[in-house]
Protein backbone atom coordinates (compact mmCIF):
# COMPACT_ATOMS: atom_id res chain seq x y z
CA MET A 1 -9.15 90.09 106.97
CA PRO A 2 -5.40 90.13 107.87
CA LEU A 3 -3.35 93.12 108.96
CA PHE A 4 -1.60 95.03 106.21
CA THR A 5 1.76 96.64 106.90
CA PRO A 6 2.80 99.69 104.87
CA ALA A 7 6.43 98.60 105.36
CA LEU A 8 6.09 96.78 102.02
CA PRO A 9 5.92 93.11 103.00
CA ALA A 10 6.71 90.35 100.55
CA PRO A 11 3.78 89.66 98.21
CA LEU A 12 1.39 86.94 99.33
CA PRO A 13 1.11 83.87 97.10
CA PRO A 14 -2.02 83.69 94.94
CA ILE A 15 -5.14 82.45 96.68
CA ARG A 16 -5.50 78.68 96.79
CA ARG A 17 -8.21 77.43 94.47
CA PHE A 18 -11.50 76.86 96.29
CA ARG A 19 -12.59 73.28 95.52
CA ALA A 20 -15.84 71.97 96.99
CA HIS A 21 -14.80 68.31 96.90
CA GLU A 22 -11.52 69.04 98.72
CA ILE A 23 -13.23 71.05 101.46
CA ALA A 24 -15.89 68.35 101.86
CA GLU A 25 -13.13 65.80 102.43
CA TRP A 26 -11.70 67.98 105.19
CA ALA A 27 -15.10 68.67 106.73
CA GLY A 28 -16.13 65.03 106.86
CA ASP A 29 -19.24 64.48 108.96
CA ALA A 30 -19.50 68.09 110.20
CA ARG A 31 -22.88 69.74 109.62
CA HIS A 32 -21.66 73.31 109.33
CA ILE A 33 -18.75 74.80 107.37
CA VAL A 34 -17.54 78.21 108.54
CA LEU A 35 -15.32 80.06 106.07
CA ASP A 36 -13.02 83.04 106.48
CA PHE A 37 -13.37 85.74 103.82
CA GLY A 38 -9.90 87.11 102.97
CA LYS A 39 -7.56 84.57 101.31
CA VAL A 40 -10.29 81.91 101.39
CA LEU A 41 -13.15 83.45 99.38
CA ILE A 42 -11.55 86.66 98.11
CA ASP A 43 -7.91 87.22 97.22
CA ILE A 44 -6.03 90.04 98.91
CA GLU A 45 -2.60 91.62 98.50
CA PRO A 46 -1.63 93.84 101.47
CA ARG A 47 1.38 95.19 99.54
CA LEU A 48 -1.01 97.20 97.35
CA SER A 49 -2.39 99.08 100.36
CA ALA A 50 1.12 99.52 101.73
CA GLU A 51 2.24 101.15 98.51
CA ALA A 52 -0.89 103.32 98.35
CA PHE A 53 -0.37 104.66 101.87
CA THR A 54 3.30 105.31 101.21
CA ALA A 55 2.19 107.40 98.21
CA LEU A 56 -0.06 109.40 100.56
CA GLY A 57 2.95 110.23 102.72
CA ALA A 58 3.18 107.45 105.30
CA ARG A 59 6.81 106.66 106.06
CA PRO A 60 7.97 103.37 104.50
CA THR A 61 8.52 101.74 107.91
CA PHE A 62 5.08 102.65 109.24
CA THR A 63 2.95 99.68 110.31
CA VAL A 64 -0.73 99.51 111.09
CA GLY A 65 0.12 98.35 114.60
CA GLU A 66 1.17 101.93 115.34
CA LEU A 67 -2.33 103.23 114.66
CA GLY A 68 -3.87 104.48 117.84
CA TYR A 69 -7.13 106.23 118.67
CA LYS A 70 -7.49 107.34 122.29
CA THR A 71 -6.98 104.11 124.26
CA HIS A 72 -7.57 101.79 121.29
CA ASN A 73 -5.48 100.03 118.73
CA ALA A 74 -7.34 101.56 115.80
CA TYR A 75 -6.99 98.56 113.49
CA GLN A 76 -8.50 96.16 116.03
CA ALA A 77 -11.03 98.75 117.14
CA ILE A 78 -12.54 99.31 113.69
CA GLU A 79 -12.90 95.55 113.25
CA THR A 80 -14.98 95.34 116.43
CA ASP A 81 -16.88 98.59 115.75
CA ALA A 82 -15.30 100.18 118.83
CA ILE A 83 -14.45 103.21 116.65
CA SER A 84 -16.13 104.61 113.58
CA SER A 85 -14.76 104.70 110.05
CA ALA A 86 -14.22 108.45 110.49
CA GLU A 87 -12.17 107.89 113.65
CA PHE A 88 -10.12 105.24 111.86
CA ARG A 89 -9.36 107.64 109.00
CA GLY A 90 -8.36 110.22 111.58
CA ALA A 91 -5.87 107.81 113.11
CA PHE A 92 -4.30 107.31 109.69
CA ARG A 93 -4.10 111.04 109.00
CA GLN A 94 -1.77 111.47 111.97
CA HIS A 95 0.85 109.41 110.08
CA LEU A 96 0.56 111.09 106.66
CA ARG A 97 2.78 113.93 105.45
CA TYR A 98 0.12 115.24 103.05
CA ALA A 99 -3.52 116.19 103.43
CA ALA A 100 -5.75 113.31 102.33
CA ALA A 101 -9.48 113.24 101.69
CA ASP A 102 -11.63 110.45 103.11
CA SER A 103 -11.94 109.01 99.61
CA SER A 104 -8.14 108.86 99.21
CA ILE A 105 -7.69 107.06 102.52
CA ASP A 106 -10.47 104.61 101.68
CA ARG A 107 -9.00 103.99 98.23
CA ALA A 108 -5.60 103.18 99.76
CA TRP A 109 -7.13 101.00 102.49
CA ASN A 110 -9.21 99.10 99.93
CA ALA A 111 -6.35 98.60 97.46
CA LEU A 112 -5.50 95.25 99.05
CA LEU A 113 -8.86 93.79 97.98
CA LEU A 114 -8.62 91.79 94.77
CA ASP A 115 -11.22 89.48 93.24
CA LEU A 116 -13.49 86.59 94.05
CA GLN A 117 -12.43 83.45 92.25
CA PRO A 118 -14.48 83.21 89.01
CA TRP A 119 -15.52 79.64 89.79
CA LEU A 120 -16.40 80.39 93.43
CA MET A 121 -20.19 80.62 93.18
CA GLY A 122 -20.53 77.22 91.55
CA GLN A 123 -18.22 75.65 94.13
CA LEU A 124 -20.16 77.23 97.01
CA ARG A 125 -23.45 75.96 95.61
CA ALA A 126 -22.00 72.47 95.28
CA LEU A 127 -20.64 72.54 98.83
CA GLY A 128 -23.94 73.88 100.14
CA GLN A 129 -25.79 70.80 98.92
CA ASN A 130 -24.36 68.78 101.82
CA TYR A 131 -23.37 71.39 104.40
CA THR A 132 -24.75 74.57 105.92
CA LEU A 133 -22.33 77.36 105.05
CA HIS A 134 -21.37 80.46 107.05
CA ILE A 135 -18.78 83.25 106.84
CA LEU A 136 -16.74 84.34 109.89
CA SER A 137 -14.41 87.22 109.05
CA ASN A 138 -12.34 89.83 110.85
CA THR A 139 -13.17 92.86 108.74
CA ASN A 140 -14.46 96.42 108.78
CA ARG A 141 -17.22 98.50 107.20
CA ILE A 142 -14.88 100.27 104.78
CA HIS A 143 -13.75 97.00 103.23
CA ILE A 144 -17.20 95.44 103.07
CA ASP A 145 -18.73 98.58 101.57
CA GLU A 146 -16.05 98.39 98.87
CA VAL A 147 -16.78 94.71 98.20
CA LYS A 148 -20.46 95.60 97.78
CA ARG A 149 -19.57 98.47 95.46
CA ARG A 150 -17.33 96.36 93.25
CA LEU A 151 -19.70 93.41 93.02
CA GLY A 152 -22.84 95.50 92.88
CA LEU A 153 -25.60 95.00 95.43
CA ARG A 154 -27.35 92.40 93.31
CA ALA A 155 -24.24 90.21 92.90
CA TYR A 156 -23.30 90.71 96.55
CA ALA A 157 -26.78 89.54 97.58
CA GLU A 158 -26.43 86.49 95.32
CA PHE A 159 -23.06 85.74 96.92
CA THR A 160 -24.34 86.03 100.50
CA ARG A 161 -27.35 83.83 99.70
CA CYS A 162 -24.88 80.93 99.56
CA PHE A 163 -24.53 81.27 103.34
CA GLN A 164 -26.99 80.81 106.16
CA ASN A 165 -25.10 83.41 108.19
CA VAL A 166 -22.49 86.06 107.47
CA PHE A 167 -20.65 86.88 110.70
CA TYR A 168 -18.50 90.00 110.38
CA SER A 169 -16.37 90.94 113.37
CA TYR A 170 -17.68 94.52 113.41
CA ASP A 171 -21.25 93.21 113.78
CA LEU A 172 -20.30 90.80 116.58
CA GLY A 173 -18.00 93.23 118.40
CA LEU A 174 -15.41 90.44 118.57
CA ARG A 175 -12.37 89.39 116.55
CA LYS A 176 -10.71 86.06 115.91
CA PRO A 177 -8.85 84.49 117.68
CA ASP A 178 -10.77 85.65 120.76
CA PRO A 179 -12.43 82.45 122.08
CA SER A 180 -15.64 84.42 122.62
CA ILE A 181 -16.22 84.77 118.88
CA TYR A 182 -16.41 81.01 118.39
CA GLN A 183 -18.74 80.73 121.38
CA ALA A 184 -20.94 83.46 119.89
CA VAL A 185 -21.26 81.55 116.61
CA ASP A 186 -22.19 78.36 118.48
CA ARG A 187 -24.89 80.22 120.39
CA HIS A 188 -26.27 81.75 117.22
CA LEU A 189 -26.42 78.33 115.55
CA GLY A 190 -27.88 76.69 118.65
CA LEU A 191 -25.05 74.17 118.79
CA LYS A 192 -24.26 72.10 121.85
CA ASP A 193 -21.57 70.05 120.08
CA PRO A 194 -18.80 72.25 118.61
CA SER A 195 -17.44 69.32 116.60
CA GLN A 196 -20.38 69.77 114.22
CA VAL A 197 -18.47 72.77 112.79
CA PHE A 198 -15.60 72.68 110.30
CA PHE A 199 -13.69 75.97 110.04
CA LEU A 200 -11.38 77.13 107.25
CA ASP A 201 -9.09 80.16 107.71
CA ASP A 202 -5.74 81.27 106.32
CA ASN A 203 -4.50 82.46 109.74
CA ALA A 204 -2.82 79.83 111.93
CA ALA A 205 -3.74 81.56 115.22
CA ASN A 206 -7.42 81.65 114.25
CA VAL A 207 -7.35 77.98 113.32
CA GLU A 208 -5.63 77.00 116.57
CA ALA A 209 -8.20 78.94 118.62
CA ALA A 210 -11.02 77.16 116.75
CA LEU A 211 -9.45 73.77 117.45
CA GLN A 212 -9.09 74.66 121.13
CA HIS A 213 -12.77 75.60 121.14
CA GLY A 214 -13.70 72.17 119.79
CA TRP A 215 -14.36 72.93 116.12
CA LYS A 216 -12.74 70.92 113.39
CA ALA A 217 -10.47 73.30 111.52
CA LYS A 218 -7.78 73.58 108.87
CA GLN A 219 -5.48 76.35 107.69
CA PHE A 220 -6.17 77.28 104.06
CA ILE A 221 -2.77 77.95 102.49
């Protein structure tokens, strides 16, 4: 999921409608379709988290790139499980003027998460009739726990059953666009020919890295 900046960026456009027939046209003769999560399957609006953290006392020009924990960039570190959720919250507290409970920090961090498209499940099932589907997302435990809470465990399980694999960066210990993450997915799938994969992501750098790796790929904007 992309970096939010509490410096109040311009709002992102609404998520593009997920259409199985359109994605199948892009995927062509690929066997596997690998989908990003944020801005492909779930809509996000980083401005909402930016505003929430400003309300907690972060200065308006503060950006998540300033978050540090020991020798780590905290944002990248939580997405590769190099630091815990507690350590990530601690990094945020250093930039807040007011005392903030864990729940307040989590609420602000999760504010960017919006909704799954109401037609998504039907489109995923249709797409899954001809392709094997997977998720590959840069994300963190705080966000995914919130997605599970909002959907409910039963609905979340139904959603993930649409996919053969759900690859979250914090489970793999790697983030896109690191070339190693695409190699790790190939190994997990037992693929010798990367061109059997079609990848859809809203981030241009992630798409370019996938193309360099040998996957078919398209930016979803």
